[in-house]
Structures are given as C-alpha cells and as structure tokens.
Amino acid sequence: VALEDGATRAPRIAIADTGHDRVLVATL
C-alpha cells in the first residue's frame, strides 16, 4: 500500500491487489 503525500485535497491511497493482477487507487 502507498499514500499520496503532500496532496492539497484528501490524499489518495494505492493498493497492489496482487492476486487480482491490478492496482487500485482509492480514497482514504
């Protein structure tokens, strides 16, 4: 997982959904 640092709005998160062969970008 990763966090969007320094965002002026609410930061987003990224999730490596490894078993589904994809990456999700989501709100907190």
mmCIF file of all heavy atoms, coordinates in Angstrom:
data_MODEL
# 
_entry.id   MODEL 
# 
loop_
_atom_site.group_PDB 
_atom_site.id 
_atom_site.type_symbol 
_atom_site.label_atom_id 
_atom_site.label_alt_id 
_atom_site.label_comp_id 
_atom_site.label_asym_id 
_atom_site.label_entity_id 
_atom_site.label_seq_id 
_atom_site.pdbx_PDB_ins_code 
_atom_site.Cartn_x 
_atom_site.Cartn_y 
_atom_site.Cartn_z 
_atom_site.occupancy 
_atom_site.B_iso_or_equiv 
_atom_site.pdbx_formal_charge 
_atom_site.auth_seq_id 
_atom_site.auth_comp_id 
_atom_site.auth_asym_id 
_atom_site.auth_atom_id 
_atom_site.pdbx_PDB_model_num 
ATOM 1   N N   . VAL A 1 1  ? 0.856   -1.178  0.000   1.00 0.00 ? 1  VAL A N   1 
ATOM 2   C CA  . VAL A 1 1  ? 0.000   0.000   0.000   1.00 0.00 ? 1  VAL A CA  1 
ATOM 3   C C   . VAL A 1 1  ? 0.892   1.227   0.000   1.00 0.00 ? 1  VAL A C   1 
ATOM 4   O O   . VAL A 1 1  ? 2.046   1.184   0.451   1.00 0.00 ? 1  VAL A O   1 
ATOM 5   C CB  . VAL A 1 1  ? -0.944  0.041   1.224   1.00 0.00 ? 1  VAL A CB  1 
ATOM 6   C CG1 . VAL A 1 1  ? -2.012  -1.020  1.127   1.00 0.00 ? 1  VAL A CG1 1 
ATOM 7   C CG2 . VAL A 1 1  ? -0.155  -0.103  2.520   1.00 0.00 ? 1  VAL A CG2 1 
ATOM 8   N N   . ALA A 1 2  ? 0.367   2.342   -0.525  1.00 0.00 ? 2  ALA A N   1 
ATOM 9   C CA  . ALA A 1 2  ? 1.120   3.594   -0.554  1.00 0.00 ? 2  ALA A CA  1 
ATOM 10  C C   . ALA A 1 2  ? 0.162   4.746   -0.337  1.00 0.00 ? 2  ALA A C   1 
ATOM 11  O O   . ALA A 1 2  ? -1.026  4.664   -0.665  1.00 0.00 ? 2  ALA A O   1 
ATOM 12  C CB  . ALA A 1 2  ? 1.858   3.752   -1.883  1.00 0.00 ? 2  ALA A CB  1 
ATOM 13  N N   . LEU A 1 3  ? 0.683   5.846   0.180   1.00 0.00 ? 3  LEU A N   1 
ATOM 14  C CA  . LEU A 1 3  ? -0.092  7.048   0.452   1.00 0.00 ? 3  LEU A CA  1 
ATOM 15  C C   . LEU A 1 3  ? 0.421   8.183   -0.414  1.00 0.00 ? 3  LEU A C   1 
ATOM 16  O O   . LEU A 1 3  ? 1.631   8.356   -0.587  1.00 0.00 ? 3  LEU A O   1 
ATOM 17  C CB  . LEU A 1 3  ? 0.026   7.437   1.922   1.00 0.00 ? 3  LEU A CB  1 
ATOM 18  C CG  . LEU A 1 3  ? -0.704  8.724   2.335   1.00 0.00 ? 3  LEU A CG  1 
ATOM 19  C CD1 . LEU A 1 3  ? -2.201  8.484   2.397   1.00 0.00 ? 3  LEU A CD1 1 
ATOM 20  C CD2 . LEU A 1 3  ? -0.185  9.226   3.678   1.00 0.00 ? 3  LEU A CD2 1 
ATOM 21  N N   . GLU A 1 4  ? -0.520  8.985   -0.943  1.00 0.00 ? 4  GLU A N   1 
ATOM 22  C CA  . GLU A 1 4  ? -0.169  10.178  -1.719  1.00 0.00 ? 4  GLU A CA  1 
ATOM 23  C C   . GLU A 1 4  ? 0.180   11.298  -0.731  1.00 0.00 ? 4  GLU A C   1 
ATOM 24  O O   . GLU A 1 4  ? -0.696  11.861  -0.079  1.00 0.00 ? 4  GLU A O   1 
ATOM 25  C CB  . GLU A 1 4  ? -1.340  10.585  -2.610  1.00 0.00 ? 4  GLU A CB  1 
ATOM 26  C CG  . GLU A 1 4  ? -1.063  11.776  -3.497  1.00 0.00 ? 4  GLU A CG  1 
ATOM 27  C CD  . GLU A 1 4  ? -2.273  12.147  -4.335  1.00 0.00 ? 4  GLU A CD  1 
ATOM 28  O OE1 . GLU A 1 4  ? -3.406  11.836  -3.916  1.00 0.00 ? 4  GLU A OE1 1 
ATOM 29  O OE2 . GLU A 1 4  ? -2.087  12.757  -5.404  1.00 0.00 ? 4  GLU A OE2 1 
ATOM 30  N N   . ASP A 1 5  ? 1.457   11.623  -0.609  1.00 0.00 ? 5  ASP A N   1 
ATOM 31  C CA  . ASP A 1 5  ? 1.909   12.647  0.325   1.00 0.00 ? 5  ASP A CA  1 
ATOM 32  C C   . ASP A 1 5  ? 1.823   14.030  -0.308  1.00 0.00 ? 5  ASP A C   1 
ATOM 33  O O   . ASP A 1 5  ? 2.042   14.199  -1.505  1.00 0.00 ? 5  ASP A O   1 
ATOM 34  C CB  . ASP A 1 5  ? 3.357   12.394  0.753   1.00 0.00 ? 5  ASP A CB  1 
ATOM 35  C CG  . ASP A 1 5  ? 3.470   11.223  1.709   1.00 0.00 ? 5  ASP A CG  1 
ATOM 36  O OD1 . ASP A 1 5  ? 2.585   11.084  2.569   1.00 0.00 ? 5  ASP A OD1 1 
ATOM 37  O OD2 . ASP A 1 5  ? 4.427   10.439  1.587   1.00 0.00 ? 5  ASP A OD2 1 
ATOM 38  N N   . GLY A 1 6  ? 1.511   15.054  0.521   1.00 0.00 ? 6  GLY A N   1 
ATOM 39  C CA  . GLY A 1 6  ? 1.569   16.429  0.068   1.00 0.00 ? 6  GLY A CA  1 
ATOM 40  C C   . GLY A 1 6  ? 0.393   16.891  -0.753  1.00 0.00 ? 6  GLY A C   1 
ATOM 41  O O   . GLY A 1 6  ? 0.430   17.975  -1.346  1.00 0.00 ? 6  GLY A O   1 
ATOM 42  N N   . ALA A 1 7  ? -0.678  16.102  -0.817  1.00 0.00 ? 7  ALA A N   1 
ATOM 43  C CA  . ALA A 1 7  ? -1.840  16.494  -1.619  1.00 0.00 ? 7  ALA A CA  1 
ATOM 44  C C   . ALA A 1 7  ? -2.572  17.656  -0.934  1.00 0.00 ? 7  ALA A C   1 
ATOM 45  O O   . ALA A 1 7  ? -2.697  17.707  0.280   1.00 0.00 ? 7  ALA A O   1 
ATOM 46  C CB  . ALA A 1 7  ? -2.786  15.313  -1.795  1.00 0.00 ? 7  ALA A CB  1 
ATOM 47  N N   . THR A 1 8  ? -3.049  18.627  -1.757  1.00 0.00 ? 8  THR A N   1 
ATOM 48  C CA  . THR A 1 8  ? -3.810  19.739  -1.190  1.00 0.00 ? 8  THR A CA  1 
ATOM 49  C C   . THR A 1 8  ? -5.194  19.294  -0.768  1.00 0.00 ? 8  THR A C   1 
ATOM 50  O O   . THR A 1 8  ? -5.781  19.841  0.158   1.00 0.00 ? 8  THR A O   1 
ATOM 51  C CB  . THR A 1 8  ? -3.910  20.871  -2.220  1.00 0.00 ? 8  THR A CB  1 
ATOM 52  O OG1 . THR A 1 8  ? -4.480  20.353  -3.440  1.00 0.00 ? 8  THR A OG1 1 
ATOM 53  C CG2 . THR A 1 8  ? -2.527  21.434  -2.527  1.00 0.00 ? 8  THR A CG2 1 
ATOM 54  N N   . ARG A 1 9  ? -5.759  18.302  -1.460  1.00 0.00 ? 9  ARG A N   1 
ATOM 55  C CA  . ARG A 1 9  ? -7.035  17.735  -1.049  1.00 0.00 ? 9  ARG A CA  1 
ATOM 56  C C   . ARG A 1 9  ? -6.746  16.475  -0.248  1.00 0.00 ? 9  ARG A C   1 
ATOM 57  O O   . ARG A 1 9  ? -5.598  16.195  0.094   1.00 0.00 ? 9  ARG A O   1 
ATOM 58  C CB  . ARG A 1 9  ? -7.888  17.414  -2.275  1.00 0.00 ? 9  ARG A CB  1 
ATOM 59  C CG  . ARG A 1 9  ? -7.261  16.397  -3.222  1.00 0.00 ? 9  ARG A CG  1 
ATOM 60  C CD  . ARG A 1 9  ? -8.084  16.257  -4.490  1.00 0.00 ? 9  ARG A CD  1 
ATOM 61  N NE  . ARG A 1 9  ? -7.529  15.249  -5.380  1.00 0.00 ? 9  ARG A NE  1 
ATOM 62  C CZ  . ARG A 1 9  ? -7.876  13.988  -5.402  1.00 0.00 ? 9  ARG A CZ  1 
ATOM 63  N NH1 . ARG A 1 9  ? -8.784  13.552  -4.546  1.00 0.00 ? 9  ARG A NH1 1 
ATOM 64  N NH2 . ARG A 1 9  ? -7.353  13.156  -6.260  1.00 0.00 ? 9  ARG A NH2 1 
ATOM 65  N N   . ALA A 1 10 ? -7.773  15.734  0.065   1.00 0.00 ? 10 ALA A N   1 
ATOM 66  C CA  . ALA A 1 10 ? -7.571  14.493  0.814   1.00 0.00 ? 10 ALA A CA  1 
ATOM 67  C C   . ALA A 1 10 ? -6.665  13.561  0.021   1.00 0.00 ? 10 ALA A C   1 
ATOM 68  O O   . ALA A 1 10 ? -6.896  13.314  -1.179  1.00 0.00 ? 10 ALA A O   1 
ATOM 69  C CB  . ALA A 1 10 ? -8.914  13.829  1.075   1.00 0.00 ? 10 ALA A CB  1 
ATOM 70  N N   . PRO A 1 11 ? -5.612  13.056  0.631   1.00 0.00 ? 11 PRO A N   1 
ATOM 71  C CA  . PRO A 1 11 ? -4.691  12.181  -0.104  1.00 0.00 ? 11 PRO A CA  1 
ATOM 72  C C   . PRO A 1 11 ? -5.364  10.871  -0.492  1.00 0.00 ? 11 PRO A C   1 
ATOM 73  O O   . PRO A 1 11 ? -6.305  10.420  0.148   1.00 0.00 ? 11 PRO A O   1 
ATOM 74  C CB  . PRO A 1 11 ? -3.555  11.948  0.887   1.00 0.00 ? 11 PRO A CB  1 
ATOM 75  C CG  . PRO A 1 11 ? -4.163  12.160  2.227   1.00 0.00 ? 11 PRO A CG  1 
ATOM 76  C CD  . PRO A 1 11 ? -5.206  13.222  2.039   1.00 0.00 ? 11 PRO A CD  1 
ATOM 77  N N   . ARG A 1 12 ? -4.832  10.291  -1.553  1.00 0.00 ? 12 ARG A N   1 
ATOM 78  C CA  . ARG A 1 12 ? -5.323  9.003   -2.022  1.00 0.00 ? 12 ARG A CA  1 
ATOM 79  C C   . ARG A 1 12 ? -4.375  7.897   -1.577  1.00 0.00 ? 12 ARG A C   1 
ATOM 80  O O   . ARG A 1 12 ? -3.248  8.147   -1.175  1.00 0.00 ? 12 ARG A O   1 
ATOM 81  C CB  . ARG A 1 12 ? -5.444  9.013   -3.548  1.00 0.00 ? 12 ARG A CB  1 
ATOM 82  C CG  . ARG A 1 12 ? -6.461  9.987   -4.067  1.00 0.00 ? 12 ARG A CG  1 
ATOM 83  C CD  . ARG A 1 12 ? -6.443  10.077  -5.590  1.00 0.00 ? 12 ARG A CD  1 
ATOM 84  N NE  . ARG A 1 12 ? -5.244  10.768  -6.077  1.00 0.00 ? 12 ARG A NE  1 
ATOM 85  C CZ  . ARG A 1 12 ? -5.040  11.075  -7.359  1.00 0.00 ? 12 ARG A CZ  1 
ATOM 86  N NH1 . ARG A 1 12 ? -5.943  10.736  -8.270  1.00 0.00 ? 12 ARG A NH1 1 
ATOM 87  N NH2 . ARG A 1 12 ? -3.944  11.709  -7.727  1.00 0.00 ? 12 ARG A NH2 1 
ATOM 88  N N   . ILE A 1 13 ? -4.855  6.678   -1.676  1.00 0.00 ? 13 ILE A N   1 
ATOM 89  C CA  . ILE A 1 13 ? -4.026  5.519   -1.392  1.00 0.00 ? 13 ILE A CA  1 
ATOM 90  C C   . ILE A 1 13 ? -3.968  4.632   -2.627  1.00 0.00 ? 13 ILE A C   1 
ATOM 91  O O   . ILE A 1 13 ? -4.868  4.657   -3.479  1.00 0.00 ? 13 ILE A O   1 
ATOM 92  C CB  . ILE A 1 13 ? -4.552  4.712   -0.185  1.00 0.00 ? 13 ILE A CB  1 
ATOM 93  C CG1 . ILE A 1 13 ? -5.967  4.173   -0.465  1.00 0.00 ? 13 ILE A CG1 1 
ATOM 94  C CG2 . ILE A 1 13 ? -4.520  5.552   1.071   1.00 0.00 ? 13 ILE A CG2 1 
ATOM 95  C CD1 . ILE A 1 13 ? -6.481  3.239   0.626   1.00 0.00 ? 13 ILE A CD1 1 
ATOM 96  N N   . ALA A 1 14 ? -2.894  3.890   -2.741  1.00 0.00 ? 14 ALA A N   1 
ATOM 97  C CA  . ALA A 1 14 ? -2.750  2.895   -3.804  1.00 0.00 ? 14 ALA A CA  1 
ATOM 98  C C   . ALA A 1 14 ? -2.585  1.531   -3.154  1.00 0.00 ? 14 ALA A C   1 
ATOM 99  O O   . ALA A 1 14 ? -1.867  1.390   -2.156  1.00 0.00 ? 14 ALA A O   1 
ATOM 100 C CB  . ALA A 1 14 ? -1.554  3.207   -4.688  1.00 0.00 ? 14 ALA A CB  1 
ATOM 101 N N   . ILE A 1 15 ? -3.264  0.548   -3.711  1.00 0.00 ? 15 ILE A N   1 
ATOM 102 C CA  . ILE A 1 15 ? -3.224  -0.820  -3.193  1.00 0.00 ? 15 ILE A CA  1 
ATOM 103 C C   . ILE A 1 15 ? -2.794  -1.757  -4.320  1.00 0.00 ? 15 ILE A C   1 
ATOM 104 O O   . ILE A 1 15 ? -3.438  -1.792  -5.381  1.00 0.00 ? 15 ILE A O   1 
ATOM 105 C CB  . ILE A 1 15 ? -4.602  -1.269  -2.670  1.00 0.00 ? 15 ILE A CB  1 
ATOM 106 C CG1 . ILE A 1 15 ? -5.116  -0.304  -1.604  1.00 0.00 ? 15 ILE A CG1 1 
ATOM 107 C CG2 . ILE A 1 15 ? -4.528  -2.686  -2.130  1.00 0.00 ? 15 ILE A CG2 1 
ATOM 108 C CD1 . ILE A 1 15 ? -6.585  -0.510  -1.270  1.00 0.00 ? 15 ILE A CD1 1 
ATOM 109 N N   . ALA A 1 16 ? -1.711  -2.486  -4.100  1.00 0.00 ? 16 ALA A N   1 
ATOM 110 C CA  . ALA A 1 16 ? -1.325  -3.531  -5.053  1.00 0.00 ? 16 ALA A CA  1 
ATOM 111 C C   . ALA A 1 16 ? -2.184  -4.752  -4.769  1.00 0.00 ? 16 ALA A C   1 
ATOM 112 O O   . ALA A 1 16 ? -1.928  -5.497  -3.816  1.00 0.00 ? 16 ALA A O   1 
ATOM 113 C CB  . ALA A 1 16 ? 0.148   -3.861  -4.911  1.00 0.00 ? 16 ALA A CB  1 
ATOM 114 N N   . ASP A 1 17 ? -3.232  -4.931  -5.563  1.00 0.00 ? 17 ASP A N   1 
ATOM 115 C CA  . ASP A 1 17 ? -4.132  -6.075  -5.415  1.00 0.00 ? 17 ASP A CA  1 
ATOM 116 C C   . ASP A 1 17 ? -3.491  -7.251  -6.160  1.00 0.00 ? 17 ASP A C   1 
ATOM 117 O O   . ASP A 1 17 ? -3.922  -7.649  -7.243  1.00 0.00 ? 17 ASP A O   1 
ATOM 118 C CB  . ASP A 1 17 ? -5.511  -5.719  -5.977  1.00 0.00 ? 17 ASP A CB  1 
ATOM 119 C CG  . ASP A 1 17 ? -6.568  -6.758  -5.644  1.00 0.00 ? 17 ASP A CG  1 
ATOM 120 O OD1 . ASP A 1 17 ? -6.289  -7.648  -4.825  1.00 0.00 ? 17 ASP A OD1 1 
ATOM 121 O OD2 . ASP A 1 17 ? -7.671  -6.673  -6.211  1.00 0.00 ? 17 ASP A OD2 1 
ATOM 122 N N   . THR A 1 18 ? -2.444  -7.788  -5.550  1.00 0.00 ? 18 THR A N   1 
ATOM 123 C CA  . THR A 1 18 ? -1.518  -8.692  -6.227  1.00 0.00 ? 18 THR A CA  1 
ATOM 124 C C   . THR A 1 18 ? -2.213  -9.907  -6.815  1.00 0.00 ? 18 THR A C   1 
ATOM 125 O O   . THR A 1 18 ? -1.949  -10.307 -7.944  1.00 0.00 ? 18 THR A O   1 
ATOM 126 C CB  . THR A 1 18 ? -0.421  -9.131  -5.237  1.00 0.00 ? 18 THR A CB  1 
ATOM 127 O OG1 . THR A 1 18 ? 0.131   -7.969  -4.610  1.00 0.00 ? 18 THR A OG1 1 
ATOM 128 C CG2 . THR A 1 18 ? 0.662   -9.904  -5.939  1.00 0.00 ? 18 THR A CG2 1 
ATOM 129 N N   . GLY A 1 19 ? -3.096  -10.513 -6.043  1.00 0.00 ? 19 GLY A N   1 
ATOM 130 C CA  . GLY A 1 19 ? -3.748  -11.733 -6.501  1.00 0.00 ? 19 GLY A CA  1 
ATOM 131 C C   . GLY A 1 19 ? -4.718  -11.524 -7.639  1.00 0.00 ? 19 GLY A C   1 
ATOM 132 O O   . GLY A 1 19 ? -5.107  -12.494 -8.305  1.00 0.00 ? 19 GLY A O   1 
ATOM 133 N N   . HIS A 1 20 ? -5.134  -10.271 -7.878  1.00 0.00 ? 20 HIS A N   1 
ATOM 134 C CA  . HIS A 1 20 ? -6.036  -9.963  -8.981  1.00 0.00 ? 20 HIS A CA  1 
ATOM 135 C C   . HIS A 1 20 ? -5.329  -9.261  -10.133 1.00 0.00 ? 20 HIS A C   1 
ATOM 136 O O   . HIS A 1 20 ? -5.983  -8.756  -11.054 1.00 0.00 ? 20 HIS A O   1 
ATOM 137 C CB  . HIS A 1 20 ? -7.201  -9.094  -8.494  1.00 0.00 ? 20 HIS A CB  1 
ATOM 138 C CG  . HIS A 1 20 ? -8.179  -9.817  -7.638  1.00 0.00 ? 20 HIS A CG  1 
ATOM 139 N ND1 . HIS A 1 20 ? -8.949  -9.194  -6.683  1.00 0.00 ? 20 HIS A ND1 1 
ATOM 140 C CD2 . HIS A 1 20 ? -8.511  -11.125 -7.567  1.00 0.00 ? 20 HIS A CD2 1 
ATOM 141 C CE1 . HIS A 1 20 ? -9.721  -10.075 -6.075  1.00 0.00 ? 20 HIS A CE1 1 
ATOM 142 N NE2 . HIS A 1 20 ? -9.469  -11.258 -6.596  1.00 0.00 ? 20 HIS A NE2 1 
ATOM 143 N N   . ASP A 1 21 ? -4.003  -9.184  -10.076 1.00 0.00 ? 21 ASP A N   1 
ATOM 144 C CA  . ASP A 1 21 ? -3.212  -8.606  -11.159 1.00 0.00 ? 21 ASP A CA  1 
ATOM 145 C C   . ASP A 1 21 ? -3.620  -7.175  -11.480 1.00 0.00 ? 21 ASP A C   1 
ATOM 146 O O   . ASP A 1 21 ? -3.737  -6.786  -12.647 1.00 0.00 ? 21 ASP A O   1 
ATOM 147 C CB  . ASP A 1 21 ? -3.313  -9.469  -12.426 1.00 0.00 ? 21 ASP A CB  1 
ATOM 148 C CG  . ASP A 1 21 ? -2.636  -10.820 -12.254 1.00 0.00 ? 21 ASP A CG  1 
ATOM 149 O OD1 . ASP A 1 21 ? -1.793  -10.951 -11.360 1.00 0.00 ? 21 ASP A OD1 1 
ATOM 150 O OD2 . ASP A 1 21 ? -2.948  -11.746 -13.027 1.00 0.00 ? 21 ASP A OD2 1 
ATOM 151 N N   . ARG A 1 22 ? -3.809  -6.360  -10.450 1.00 0.00 ? 22 ARG A N   1 
ATOM 152 C CA  . ARG A 1 22 ? -4.217  -4.984  -10.689 1.00 0.00 ? 22 ARG A CA  1 
ATOM 153 C C   . ARG A 1 22 ? -3.765  -4.103  -9.529  1.00 0.00 ? 22 ARG A C   1 
ATOM 154 O O   . ARG A 1 22 ? -3.358  -4.589  -8.463  1.00 0.00 ? 22 ARG A O   1 
ATOM 155 C CB  . ARG A 1 22 ? -5.734  -4.893  -10.838 1.00 0.00 ? 22 ARG A CB  1 
ATOM 156 C CG  . ARG A 1 22 ? -6.488  -5.277  -9.579  1.00 0.00 ? 22 ARG A CG  1 
ATOM 157 C CD  . ARG A 1 22 ? -7.989  -5.275  -9.771  1.00 0.00 ? 22 ARG A CD  1 
ATOM 158 N NE  . ARG A 1 22 ? -8.660  -5.671  -8.534  1.00 0.00 ? 22 ARG A NE  1 
ATOM 159 C CZ  . ARG A 1 22 ? -9.975  -5.771  -8.385  1.00 0.00 ? 22 ARG A CZ  1 
ATOM 160 N NH1 . ARG A 1 22 ? -10.770 -5.519  -9.410  1.00 0.00 ? 22 ARG A NH1 1 
ATOM 161 N NH2 . ARG A 1 22 ? -10.510 -6.118  -7.233  1.00 0.00 ? 22 ARG A NH2 1 
ATOM 162 N N   . VAL A 1 23 ? -3.850  -2.793  -9.745  1.00 0.00 ? 23 VAL A N   1 
ATOM 163 C CA  . VAL A 1 23 ? -3.587  -1.807  -8.706  1.00 0.00 ? 23 VAL A CA  1 
ATOM 164 C C   . VAL A 1 23 ? -4.821  -0.922  -8.593  1.00 0.00 ? 23 VAL A C   1 
ATOM 165 O O   . VAL A 1 23 ? -5.387  -0.488  -9.609  1.00 0.00 ? 23 VAL A O   1 
ATOM 166 C CB  . VAL A 1 23 ? -2.355  -0.950  -9.046  1.00 0.00 ? 23 VAL A CB  1 
ATOM 167 C CG1 . VAL A 1 23 ? -2.178  0.178   -8.028  1.00 0.00 ? 23 VAL A CG1 1 
ATOM 168 C CG2 . VAL A 1 23 ? -1.097  -1.814  -9.109  1.00 0.00 ? 23 VAL A CG2 1 
ATOM 169 N N   . LEU A 1 24 ? -5.247  -0.666  -7.361  1.00 0.00 ? 24 LEU A N   1 
ATOM 170 C CA  . LEU A 1 24 ? -6.399  0.197   -7.105  1.00 0.00 ? 24 LEU A CA  1 
ATOM 171 C C   . LEU A 1 24 ? -5.918  1.505   -6.502  1.00 0.00 ? 24 LEU A C   1 
ATOM 172 O O   . LEU A 1 24 ? -5.064  1.521   -5.621  1.00 0.00 ? 24 LEU A O   1 
ATOM 173 C CB  . LEU A 1 24 ? -7.373  -0.474  -6.144  1.00 0.00 ? 24 LEU A CB  1 
ATOM 174 C CG  . LEU A 1 24 ? -7.943  -1.839  -6.557  1.00 0.00 ? 24 LEU A CG  1 
ATOM 175 C CD1 . LEU A 1 24 ? -8.865  -2.369  -5.479  1.00 0.00 ? 24 LEU A CD1 1 
ATOM 176 C CD2 . LEU A 1 24 ? -8.663  -1.748  -7.892  1.00 0.00 ? 24 LEU A CD2 1 
ATOM 177 N N   . VAL A 1 25 ? -6.471  2.616   -7.008  1.00 0.00 ? 25 VAL A N   1 
ATOM 178 C CA  . VAL A 1 25 ? -6.264  3.930   -6.409  1.00 0.00 ? 25 VAL A CA  1 
ATOM 179 C C   . VAL A 1 25 ? -7.587  4.328   -5.779  1.00 0.00 ? 25 VAL A C   1 
ATOM 180 O O   . VAL A 1 25 ? -8.630  4.344   -6.448  1.00 0.00 ? 25 VAL A O   1 
ATOM 181 C CB  . VAL A 1 25 ? -5.813  4.967   -7.452  1.00 0.00 ? 25 VAL A CB  1 
ATOM 182 C CG1 . VAL A 1 25 ? -5.646  6.344   -6.806  1.00 0.00 ? 25 VAL A CG1 1 
ATOM 183 C CG2 . VAL A 1 25 ? -4.496  4.532   -8.094  1.00 0.00 ? 25 VAL A CG2 1 
ATOM 184 N N   . ALA A 1 26 ? -7.552  4.630   -4.477  1.00 0.00 ? 26 ALA A N   1 
ATOM 185 C CA  . ALA A 1 26 ? -8.794  4.829   -3.736  1.00 0.00 ? 26 ALA A CA  1 
ATOM 186 C C   . ALA A 1 26 ? -8.657  6.004   -2.781  1.00 0.00 ? 26 ALA A C   1 
ATOM 187 O O   . ALA A 1 26 ? -7.566  6.518   -2.524  1.00 0.00 ? 26 ALA A O   1 
ATOM 188 C CB  . ALA A 1 26 ? -9.135  3.558   -2.948  1.00 0.00 ? 26 ALA A CB  1 
ATOM 189 N N   . THR A 1 27 ? -9.799  6.441   -2.274  1.00 0.00 ? 27 THR A N   1 
ATOM 190 C CA  . THR A 1 27 ? -9.813  7.449   -1.225  1.00 0.00 ? 27 THR A CA  1 
ATOM 191 C C   . THR A 1 27 ? -9.416  6.801   0.104   1.00 0.00 ? 27 THR A C   1 
ATOM 192 O O   . THR A 1 27 ? -9.339  5.566   0.221   1.00 0.00 ? 27 THR A O   1 
ATOM 193 C CB  . THR A 1 27 ? -11.213 8.058   -1.075  1.00 0.00 ? 27 THR A CB  1 
ATOM 194 O OG1 . THR A 1 27 ? -12.111 7.049   -0.567  1.00 0.00 ? 27 THR A OG1 1 
ATOM 195 C CG2 . THR A 1 27 ? -11.740 8.563   -2.417  1.00 0.00 ? 27 THR A CG2 1 
ATOM 196 N N   . LEU A 1 28 ? -9.196  7.643   1.105   1.00 0.00 ? 28 LEU A N   1 
ATOM 197 C CA  . LEU A 1 28 ? -8.866  7.107   2.425   1.00 0.00 ? 28 LEU A CA  1 
ATOM 198 C C   . LEU A 1 28 ? -10.015 6.296   3.010   1.00 0.00 ? 28 LEU A C   1 
ATOM 199 O O   . LEU A 1 28 ? -9.808  5.460   3.891   1.00 0.00 ? 28 LEU A O   1 
ATOM 200 C CB  . LEU A 1 28 ? -8.507  8.244   3.383   1.00 0.00 ? 28 LEU A CB  1 
ATOM 201 C CG  . LEU A 1 28 ? -7.143  8.908   3.158   1.00 0.00 ? 28 LEU A CG  1 
ATOM 202 C CD1 . LEU A 1 28 ? -6.950  10.049  4.134   1.00 0.00 ? 28 LEU A CD1 1 
ATOM 203 C CD2 . LEU A 1 28 ? -6.023  7.896   3.304   1.00 0.00 ? 28 LEU A CD2 1 
# 
